[in-house]
Amino acid sequence: MPFRFVGQQVEIRGTATSVQILKACETIAVHPRKTDSRLVIDQAHYDGPSTDRVKAPPPLGRMGARIQELASTPVAQRSIDLYAALAEVAR
């Protein structure tokens, strides 16, 4: 959820296609369900100015951006035979 709602009470609703986050009956965030991702990060939730209650998080920086880039790359599909060959070389 957007950082400015940290520490506040919100309502979470799960539908067949999405997870909705509401504050005072107003939708503040929606995330899709049934995706390949185990963790859904919406960079827009970290953007924006500080409020009188919550200080805005610092920007990701180079390392954070690189970690996010690596996390978004697809997993390589390899044959088990490749790992067997590597194990043989390592002996």
PDB file of N, CA and C in Angstrom:
ATOM      1  N   MET A   1       0.838  -1.174   0.000  1.00  0.00           N
ATOM      2  CA  MET A   1       0.000   0.000   0.000  1.00  0.00           C
ATOM      3  C   MET A   1       0.881   1.234   0.000  1.00  0.00           C
ATOM      4  N   PRO A   2       0.390   2.358  -0.422  1.00  0.00           N
ATOM      5  CA  PRO A   2       1.201   3.569  -0.447  1.00  0.00           C
ATOM      6  C   PRO A   2       1.742   3.912   0.945  1.00  0.00           C
ATOM      7  N   PHE A   3       2.988   4.393   0.997  1.00  0.00           N
ATOM      8  CA  PHE A   3       3.672   4.621   2.269  1.00  0.00           C
ATOM      9  C   PHE A   3       2.926   5.594   3.170  1.00  0.00           C
ATOM     10  N   ARG A   4       2.178   6.513   2.611  1.00  0.00           N
ATOM     11  CA  ARG A   4       1.531   7.528   3.440  1.00  0.00           C
ATOM     12  C   ARG A   4       0.442   6.953   4.350  1.00  0.00           C
ATOM     13  N   PHE A   5       0.068   5.683   4.135  1.00  0.00           N
ATOM     14  CA  PHE A   5      -0.947   5.038   4.974  1.00  0.00           C
ATOM     15  C   PHE A   5      -0.332   4.150   6.050  1.00  0.00           C
ATOM     16  N   VAL A   6       0.998   4.184   6.195  1.00  0.00           N
ATOM     17  CA  VAL A   6       1.678   3.380   7.211  1.00  0.00           C
ATOM     18  C   VAL A   6       1.140   3.752   8.594  1.00  0.00           C
ATOM     19  N   GLY A   7       0.846   2.735   9.395  1.00  0.00           N
ATOM     20  CA  GLY A   7       0.364   2.955  10.755  1.00  0.00           C
ATOM     21  C   GLY A   7      -1.120   3.216  10.860  1.00  0.00           C
ATOM     22  N   GLN A   8      -1.799   3.326   9.738  1.00  0.00           N
ATOM     23  CA  GLN A   8      -3.241   3.558   9.752  1.00  0.00           C
ATOM     24  C   GLN A   8      -3.978   2.239   9.541  1.00  0.00           C
ATOM     25  N   GLN A   9      -5.216   2.198   9.980  1.00  0.00           N
ATOM     26  CA  GLN A   9      -6.034   1.005   9.784  1.00  0.00           C
ATOM     27  C   GLN A   9      -6.630   1.046   8.375  1.00  0.00           C
ATOM     28  N   VAL A  10      -6.434  -0.036   7.642  1.00  0.00           N
ATOM     29  CA  VAL A  10      -6.973  -0.163   6.292  1.00  0.00           C
ATOM     30  C   VAL A  10      -7.761  -1.463   6.212  1.00  0.00           C
ATOM     31  N   GLU A  11      -8.543  -1.591   5.157  1.00  0.00           N
ATOM     32  CA  GLU A  11      -9.316  -2.805   4.917  1.00  0.00           C
ATOM     33  C   GLU A  11      -8.738  -3.508   3.700  1.00  0.00           C
ATOM     34  N   ILE A  12      -8.569  -4.815   3.803  1.00  0.00           N
ATOM     35  CA  ILE A  12      -8.054  -5.619   2.699  1.00  0.00           C
ATOM     36  C   ILE A  12      -9.188  -6.498   2.192  1.00  0.00           C
ATOM     37  N   ARG A  13      -9.448  -6.430   0.889  1.00  0.00           N
ATOM     38  CA  ARG A  13     -10.484  -7.261   0.274  1.00  0.00           C
ATOM     39  C   ARG A  13      -9.852  -8.122  -0.807  1.00  0.00           C
ATOM     40  N   GLY A  14     -10.139  -9.400  -0.757  1.00  0.00           N
ATOM     41  CA  GLY A  14      -9.673 -10.307  -1.797  1.00  0.00           C
ATOM     42  C   GLY A  14     -10.823 -10.650  -2.725  1.00  0.00           C
ATOM     43  N   THR A  15     -10.638 -10.413  -4.004  1.00  0.00           N
ATOM     44  CA  THR A  15     -11.630 -10.806  -5.000  1.00  0.00           C
ATOM     45  C   THR A  15     -11.035 -11.943  -5.831  1.00  0.00           C
ATOM     46  N   ALA A  16     -11.781 -12.415  -6.777  1.00  0.00           N
ATOM     47  CA  ALA A  16     -11.295 -13.514  -7.614  1.00  0.00           C
ATOM     48  C   ALA A  16     -10.089 -13.100  -8.450  1.00  0.00           C
ATOM     49  N   THR A  17      -9.997 -11.834  -8.803  1.00  0.00           N
ATOM     50  CA  THR A  17      -8.921 -11.393  -9.698  1.00  0.00           C
ATOM     51  C   THR A  17      -7.929 -10.421  -9.071  1.00  0.00           C
ATOM     52  N   SER A  18      -8.243  -9.861  -7.892  1.00  0.00           N
ATOM     53  CA  SER A  18      -7.352  -8.856  -7.321  1.00  0.00           C
ATOM     54  C   SER A  18      -7.447  -8.805  -5.797  1.00  0.00           C
ATOM     55  N   VAL A  19      -6.468  -8.113  -5.217  1.00  0.00           N
ATOM     56  CA  VAL A  19      -6.488  -7.784  -3.796  1.00  0.00           C
ATOM     57  C   VAL A  19      -6.621  -6.272  -3.728  1.00  0.00           C
ATOM     58  N   GLN A  20      -7.631  -5.806  -3.018  1.00  0.00           N
ATOM     59  CA  GLN A  20      -7.898  -4.377  -2.919  1.00  0.00           C
ATOM     60  C   GLN A  20      -7.572  -3.896  -1.512  1.00  0.00           C
ATOM     61  N   ILE A  21      -6.974  -2.719  -1.409  1.00  0.00           N
ATOM     62  CA  ILE A  21      -6.694  -2.092  -0.130  1.00  0.00           C
ATOM     63  C   ILE A  21      -7.514  -0.814  -0.079  1.00  0.00           C
ATOM     64  N   LEU A  22      -8.329  -0.684   0.967  1.00  0.00           N
ATOM     65  CA  LEU A  22      -9.228   0.455   1.099  1.00  0.00           C
ATOM     66  C   LEU A  22      -8.982   1.211   2.395  1.00  0.00           C
ATOM     67  N   LYS A  23      -9.217   2.502   2.356  1.00  0.00           N
ATOM     68  CA  LYS A  23      -9.160   3.370   3.527  1.00  0.00           C
ATOM     69  C   LYS A  23     -10.408   4.235   3.480  1.00  0.00           C
ATOM     70  N   ALA A  24     -11.237   4.157   4.505  1.00  0.00           N
ATOM     71  CA  ALA A  24     -12.487   4.927   4.576  1.00  0.00           C
ATOM     72  C   ALA A  24     -13.344   4.671   3.334  1.00  0.00           C
ATOM     73  N   CYS A  25     -13.468   3.415   2.965  1.00  0.00           N
ATOM     74  CA  CYS A  25     -14.291   2.964   1.825  1.00  0.00           C
ATOM     75  C   CYS A  25     -13.787   3.470   0.476  1.00  0.00           C
ATOM     76  N   GLU A  26     -12.571   3.972   0.422  1.00  0.00           N
ATOM     77  CA  GLU A  26     -11.982   4.435  -0.840  1.00  0.00           C
ATOM     78  C   GLU A  26     -10.805   3.527  -1.185  1.00  0.00           C
ATOM     79  N   THR A  27     -10.779   3.030  -2.416  1.00  0.00           N
ATOM     80  CA  THR A  27      -9.699   2.151  -2.859  1.00  0.00           C
ATOM     81  C   THR A  27      -8.407   2.949  -2.994  1.00  0.00           C
ATOM     82  N   ILE A  28      -7.362   2.489  -2.279  1.00  0.00           N
ATOM     83  CA  ILE A  28      -6.069   3.185  -2.350  1.00  0.00           C
ATOM     84  C   ILE A  28      -5.030   2.374  -3.112  1.00  0.00           C
ATOM     85  N   ALA A  29      -5.296   1.075  -3.304  1.00  0.00           N
ATOM     86  CA  ALA A  29      -4.371   0.241  -4.073  1.00  0.00           C
ATOM     87  C   ALA A  29      -5.085  -1.025  -4.522  1.00  0.00           C
ATOM     88  N   VAL A  30      -4.691  -1.519  -5.684  1.00  0.00           N
ATOM     89  CA  VAL A  30      -5.208  -2.779  -6.221  1.00  0.00           C
ATOM     90  C   VAL A  30      -4.036  -3.555  -6.794  1.00  0.00           C
ATOM     91  N   HIS A  31      -3.947  -4.835  -6.427  1.00  0.00           N
ATOM     92  CA  HIS A  31      -2.890  -5.699  -6.940  1.00  0.00           C
ATOM     93  C   HIS A  31      -3.518  -6.947  -7.546  1.00  0.00           C
ATOM     94  N   PRO A  32      -2.992  -7.410  -8.678  1.00  0.00           N
ATOM     95  CA  PRO A  32      -3.578  -8.595  -9.324  1.00  0.00           C
ATOM     96  C   PRO A  32      -3.300  -9.861  -8.531  1.00  0.00           C
ATOM     97  N   ARG A  33      -4.191 -10.816  -8.649  1.00  0.00           N
ATOM     98  CA  ARG A  33      -3.996 -12.138  -8.048  1.00  0.00           C
ATOM     99  C   ARG A  33      -3.590 -13.116  -9.140  1.00  0.00           C
ATOM    100  N   LYS A  34      -3.116 -14.267  -8.713  1.00  0.00           N
ATOM    101  CA  LYS A  34      -2.764 -15.368  -9.613  1.00  0.00           C
ATOM    102  C   LYS A  34      -1.694 -14.958 -10.621  1.00  0.00           C
ATOM    103  N   THR A  35      -0.680 -14.229 -10.149  1.00  0.00           N
ATOM    104  CA  THR A  35       0.445 -13.883 -11.013  1.00  0.00           C
ATOM    105  C   THR A  35       1.575 -14.873 -10.738  1.00  0.00           C
ATOM    106  N   ASP A  36       2.591 -14.845 -11.557  1.00  0.00           N
ATOM    107  CA  ASP A  36       3.755 -15.695 -11.340  1.00  0.00           C
ATOM    108  C   ASP A  36       4.623 -15.187 -10.195  1.00  0.00           C
ATOM    109  N   SER A  37       4.431 -13.934  -9.801  1.00  0.00           N
ATOM    110  CA  SER A  37       5.246 -13.327  -8.752  1.00  0.00           C
ATOM    111  C   SER A  37       4.757 -13.725  -7.367  1.00  0.00           C
ATOM    112  N   ARG A  38       5.691 -14.046  -6.500  1.00  0.00           N
ATOM    113  CA  ARG A  38       5.333 -14.321  -5.106  1.00  0.00           C
ATOM    114  C   ARG A  38       5.272 -13.023  -4.321  1.00  0.00           C
ATOM    115  N   LEU A  39       5.946 -12.006  -4.818  1.00  0.00           N
ATOM    116  CA  LEU A  39       5.977 -10.701  -4.174  1.00  0.00           C
ATOM    117  C   LEU A  39       5.665  -9.655  -5.230  1.00  0.00           C
ATOM    118  N   VAL A  40       4.679  -8.825  -4.955  1.00  0.00           N
ATOM    119  CA  VAL A  40       4.290  -7.776  -5.898  1.00  0.00           C
ATOM    120  C   VAL A  40       4.740  -6.437  -5.319  1.00  0.00           C
ATOM    121  N   ILE A  41       5.581  -5.736  -6.053  1.00  0.00           N
ATOM    122  CA  ILE A  41       6.075  -4.433  -5.618  1.00  0.00           C
ATOM    123  C   ILE A  41       5.637  -3.387  -6.637  1.00  0.00           C
ATOM    124  N   ASP A  42       4.939  -2.379  -6.157  1.00  0.00           N
ATOM    125  CA  ASP A  42       4.508  -1.277  -7.002  1.00  0.00           C
ATOM    126  C   ASP A  42       5.331  -0.056  -6.603  1.00  0.00           C
ATOM    127  N   GLN A  43       6.269   0.344  -7.450  1.00  0.00           N
ATOM    128  CA  GLN A  43       7.168   1.443  -7.125  1.00  0.00           C
ATOM    129  C   GLN A  43       6.403   2.730  -6.820  1.00  0.00           C
ATOM    130  N   ALA A  44       5.227   2.893  -7.396  1.00  0.00           N
ATOM    131  CA  ALA A  44       4.430   4.099  -7.157  1.00  0.00           C
ATOM    132  C   ALA A  44       4.040   4.236  -5.683  1.00  0.00           C
ATOM    133  N   HIS A  45       4.014   3.127  -4.945  1.00  0.00           N
ATOM    134  CA  HIS A  45       3.660   3.175  -3.523  1.00  0.00           C
ATOM    135  C   HIS A  45       4.771   3.817  -2.689  1.00  0.00           C
ATOM    136  N   TYR A  46       5.971   3.922  -3.244  1.00  0.00           N
ATOM    137  CA  TYR A  46       7.097   4.503  -2.529  1.00  0.00           C
ATOM    138  C   TYR A  46       7.378   5.936  -2.959  1.00  0.00           C
ATOM    139  N   ASP A  47       6.690   6.395  -3.980  1.00  0.00           N
ATOM    140  CA  ASP A  47       6.920   7.731  -4.522  1.00  0.00           C
ATOM    141  C   ASP A  47       5.996   8.746  -3.855  1.00  0.00           C
ATOM    142  N   GLY A  48       6.414   9.996  -3.888  1.00  0.00           N
ATOM    143  CA  GLY A  48       5.586  11.082  -3.371  1.00  0.00           C
ATOM    144  C   GLY A  48       6.256  11.797  -2.221  1.00  0.00           C
ATOM    145  N   PRO A  49       5.698  12.940  -1.873  1.00  0.00           N
ATOM    146  CA  PRO A  49       6.287  13.746  -0.795  1.00  0.00           C
ATOM    147  C   PRO A  49       5.947  13.181   0.588  1.00  0.00           C
ATOM    148  N   SER A  50       6.730  13.571   1.572  1.00  0.00           N
ATOM    149  CA  SER A  50       6.451  13.192   2.956  1.00  0.00           C
ATOM    150  C   SER A  50       5.143  13.841   3.402  1.00  0.00           C
ATOM    151  N   THR A  51       4.521  13.221   4.393  1.00  0.00           N
ATOM    152  CA  THR A  51       3.321  13.806   4.991  1.00  0.00           C
ATOM    153  C   THR A  51       3.704  14.333   6.368  1.00  0.00           C
ATOM    154  N   ASP A  52       2.767  14.944   7.081  1.00  0.00           N
ATOM    155  CA  ASP A  52       3.074  15.427   8.423  1.00  0.00           C
ATOM    156  C   ASP A  52       3.285  14.266   9.399  1.00  0.00           C
ATOM    157  N   ARG A  53       2.838  13.061   9.051  1.00  0.00           N
ATOM    158  CA  ARG A  53       2.962  11.877   9.898  1.00  0.00           C
ATOM    159  C   ARG A  53       4.079  10.930   9.475  1.00  0.00           C
ATOM    160  N   VAL A  54       4.295  10.804   8.157  1.00  0.00           N
ATOM    161  CA  VAL A  54       5.204   9.786   7.625  1.00  0.00           C
ATOM    162  C   VAL A  54       6.218  10.426   6.682  1.00  0.00           C
ATOM    163  N   LYS A  55       7.492  10.112   6.920  1.00  0.00           N
ATOM    164  CA  LYS A  55       8.548  10.614   6.040  1.00  0.00           C
ATOM    165  C   LYS A  55       8.644   9.707   4.812  1.00  0.00           C
ATOM    166  N   ALA A  56       8.775  10.305   3.647  1.00  0.00           N
ATOM    167  CA  ALA A  56       8.880   9.530   2.398  1.00  0.00           C
ATOM    168  C   ALA A  56      10.134   8.671   2.412  1.00  0.00           C
ATOM    169  N   PRO A  57      10.041   7.434   1.894  1.00  0.00           N
ATOM    170  CA  PRO A  57      11.231   6.586   1.838  1.00  0.00           C
ATOM    171  C   PRO A  57      12.259   7.153   0.859  1.00  0.00           C
ATOM    172  N   PRO A  58      13.544   6.885   1.110  1.00  0.00           N
ATOM    173  CA  PRO A  58      14.566   7.382   0.187  1.00  0.00           C
ATOM    174  C   PRO A  58      14.494   6.645  -1.140  1.00  0.00           C
ATOM    175  N   PRO A  59      14.992   7.251  -2.209  1.00  0.00           N
ATOM    176  CA  PRO A  59      15.000   6.562  -3.505  1.00  0.00           C
ATOM    177  C   PRO A  59      15.849   5.302  -3.448  1.00  0.00           C
ATOM    178  N   LEU A  60      15.597   4.385  -4.367  1.00  0.00           N
ATOM    179  CA  LEU A  60      16.291   3.104  -4.367  1.00  0.00           C
ATOM    180  C   LEU A  60      17.804   3.236  -4.524  1.00  0.00           C
ATOM    181  N   GLY A  61      18.253   4.128  -5.336  1.00  0.00           N
ATOM    182  CA  GLY A  61      19.685   4.224  -5.611  1.00  0.00           C
ATOM    183  C   GLY A  61      20.097   3.164  -6.623  1.00  0.00           C
ATOM    184  N   ARG A  62      21.381   3.138  -6.963  1.00  0.00           N
ATOM    185  CA  ARG A  62      21.864   2.208  -7.992  1.00  0.00           C
ATOM    186  C   ARG A  62      21.731   0.753  -7.558  1.00  0.00           C
ATOM    187  N   MET A  63      22.117   0.447  -6.317  1.00  0.00           N
ATOM    188  CA  MET A  63      22.075  -0.939  -5.876  1.00  0.00           C
ATOM    189  C   MET A  63      20.631  -1.446  -5.794  1.00  0.00           C
ATOM    190  N   GLY A  64      19.750  -0.648  -5.246  1.00  0.00           N
ATOM    191  CA  GLY A  64      18.347  -1.054  -5.145  1.00  0.00           C
ATOM    192  C   GLY A  64      17.716  -1.243  -6.512  1.00  0.00           C
ATOM    193  N   ALA A  65      18.037  -0.356  -7.449  1.00  0.00           N
ATOM    194  CA  ALA A  65      17.507  -0.485  -8.804  1.00  0.00           C
ATOM    195  C   ALA A  65      18.031  -1.752  -9.466  1.00  0.00           C
ATOM    196  N   ARG A  66      19.305  -2.080  -9.228  1.00  0.00           N
ATOM    197  CA  ARG A  66      19.891  -3.308  -9.809  1.00  0.00           C
ATOM    198  C   ARG A  66      19.249  -4.550  -9.206  1.00  0.00           C
ATOM    199  N   ILE A  67      19.005  -4.552  -7.908  1.00  0.00           N
ATOM    200  CA  ILE A  67      18.339  -5.684  -7.258  1.00  0.00           C
ATOM    201  C   ILE A  67      16.933  -5.867  -7.825  1.00  0.00           C
ATOM    202  N   GLN A  68      16.226  -4.778  -8.006  1.00  0.00           N
ATOM    203  CA  GLN A  68      14.876  -4.858  -8.572  1.00  0.00           C
ATOM    204  C   GLN A  68      14.923  -5.377 -10.014  1.00  0.00           C
ATOM    205  N   GLU A  69      15.925  -4.948 -10.771  1.00  0.00           N
ATOM    206  CA  GLU A  69      16.088  -5.425 -12.144  1.00  0.00           C
ATOM    207  C   GLU A  69      16.363  -6.935 -12.164  1.00  0.00           C
ATOM    208  N   LEU A  70      17.248  -7.384 -11.291  1.00  0.00           N
ATOM    209  CA  LEU A  70      17.558  -8.817 -11.222  1.00  0.00           C
ATOM    210  C   LEU A  70      16.346  -9.632 -10.793  1.00  0.00           C
ATOM    211  N   ALA A  71      15.559  -9.101  -9.870  1.00  0.00           N
ATOM    212  CA  ALA A  71      14.376  -9.825  -9.390  1.00  0.00           C
ATOM    213  C   ALA A  71      13.317  -9.963 -10.478  1.00  0.00           C
ATOM    214  N   SER A  72      13.305  -9.038 -11.424  1.00  0.00           N
ATOM    215  CA  SER A  72      12.281  -9.082 -12.470  1.00  0.00           C
ATOM    216  C   SER A  72      12.677  -9.950 -13.667  1.00  0.00           C
ATOM    217  N   THR A  73      13.930 -10.418 -13.716  1.00  0.00           N
ATOM    218  CA  THR A  73      14.340 -11.270 -14.829  1.00  0.00           C
ATOM    219  C   THR A  73      13.771 -12.673 -14.653  1.00  0.00           C
ATOM    220  N   PRO A  74      13.390 -13.310 -15.744  1.00  0.00           N
ATOM    221  CA  PRO A  74      12.803 -14.649 -15.641  1.00  0.00           C
ATOM    222  C   PRO A  74      13.830 -15.694 -15.208  1.00  0.00           C
ATOM    223  N   VAL A  75      13.354 -16.742 -14.607  1.00  0.00           N
ATOM    224  CA  VAL A  75      14.218 -17.834 -14.165  1.00  0.00           C
ATOM    225  C   VAL A  75      14.657 -18.633 -15.387  1.00  0.00           C
ATOM    226  N   ALA A  76      15.940 -18.960 -15.449  1.00  0.00           N
ATOM    227  CA  ALA A  76      16.469 -19.738 -16.575  1.00  0.00           C
ATOM    228  C   ALA A  76      16.034 -21.195 -16.450  1.00  0.00           C
ATOM    229  N   GLN A  77      15.568 -21.761 -17.523  1.00  0.00           N
ATOM    230  CA  GLN A  77      15.174 -23.165 -17.562  1.00  0.00           C
ATOM    231  C   GLN A  77      16.346 -23.963 -18.126  1.00  0.00           C
ATOM    232  N   ARG A  78      16.871 -24.901 -17.328  1.00  0.00           N
ATOM    233  CA  ARG A  78      18.008 -25.706 -17.763  1.00  0.00           C
ATOM    234  C   ARG A  78      17.708 -27.176 -17.549  1.00  0.00           C
ATOM    235  N   SER A  79      18.312 -27.973 -18.362  1.00  0.00           N
ATOM    236  CA  SER A  79      18.162 -29.416 -18.247  1.00  0.00           C
ATOM    237  C   SER A  79      18.931 -29.925 -17.036  1.00  0.00           C
ATOM    238  N   ILE A  80      18.434 -30.961 -16.418  1.00  0.00           N
ATOM    239  CA  ILE A  80      19.128 -31.582 -15.294  1.00  0.00           C
ATOM    240  C   ILE A  80      20.455 -32.187 -15.748  1.00  0.00           C
ATOM    241  N   ASP A  81      20.536 -32.522 -17.039  1.00  0.00           N
ATOM    242  CA  ASP A  81      21.779 -33.071 -17.592  1.00  0.00           C
ATOM    243  C   ASP A  81      22.936 -32.063 -17.479  1.00  0.00           C
ATOM    244  N   LEU A  82      22.638 -30.786 -17.605  1.00  0.00           N
ATOM    245  CA  LEU A  82      23.670 -29.761 -17.458  1.00  0.00           C
ATOM    246  C   LEU A  82      24.268 -29.821 -16.057  1.00  0.00           C
ATOM    247  N   TYR A  83      23.427 -29.940 -15.047  1.00  0.00           N
ATOM    248  CA  TYR A  83      23.915 -30.000 -13.670  1.00  0.00           C
ATOM    249  C   TYR A  83      24.680 -31.300 -13.417  1.00  0.00           C
ATOM    250  N   ALA A  84      24.273 -32.385 -14.041  1.00  0.00           N
ATOM    251  CA  ALA A  84      24.999 -33.648 -13.901  1.00  0.00           C
ATOM    252  C   ALA A  84      26.386 -33.508 -14.512  1.00  0.00           C
ATOM    253  N   ALA A  85      26.478 -32.851 -15.675  1.00  0.00           N
ATOM    254  CA  ALA A  85      27.776 -32.641 -16.322  1.00  0.00           C
ATOM    255  C   ALA A  85      28.667 -31.746 -15.470  1.00  0.00           C
ATOM    256  N   LEU A  86      28.093 -30.707 -14.874  1.00  0.00           N
ATOM    257  CA  LEU A  86      28.871 -29.822 -14.014  1.00  0.00           C
ATOM    258  C   LEU A  86      29.377 -30.574 -12.774  1.00  0.00           C
ATOM    259  N   ALA A  87      28.560 -31.455 -12.251  1.00  0.00           N
ATOM    260  CA  ALA A  87      28.975 -32.243 -11.092  1.00  0.00           C
ATOM    261  C   ALA A  87      30.127 -33.163 -11.458  1.00  0.00           C
ATOM    262  N   GLU A  88      30.106 -33.704 -12.662  1.00  0.00           N
ATOM    263  CA  GLU A  88      31.180 -34.592 -13.104  1.00  0.00           C
ATOM    264  C   GLU A  88      32.491 -33.823 -13.239  1.00  0.00           C
ATOM    265  N   VAL A  89      32.418 -32.611 -13.759  1.00  0.00           N
ATOM    266  CA  VAL A  89      33.616 -31.787 -13.925  1.00  0.00           C
ATOM    267  C   VAL A  89      34.193 -31.422 -12.562  1.00  0.00           C
ATOM    268  N   ALA A  90      33.330 -31.209 -11.579  1.00  0.00           N
ATOM    269  CA  ALA A  90      33.778 -30.794 -10.263  1.00  0.00           C
ATOM    270  C   ALA A  90      34.468 -31.904  -9.480  1.00  0.00           C
ATOM    271  N   ARG A  91      34.322 -33.160  -9.902  1.00  0.00           N
ATOM    272  CA  ARG A  91      34.948 -34.273  -9.167  1.00  0.00           C
ATOM    273  C   ARG A  91      36.412 -34.318  -9.343  1.00  0.00           C
TER     274      ARG A  91
END
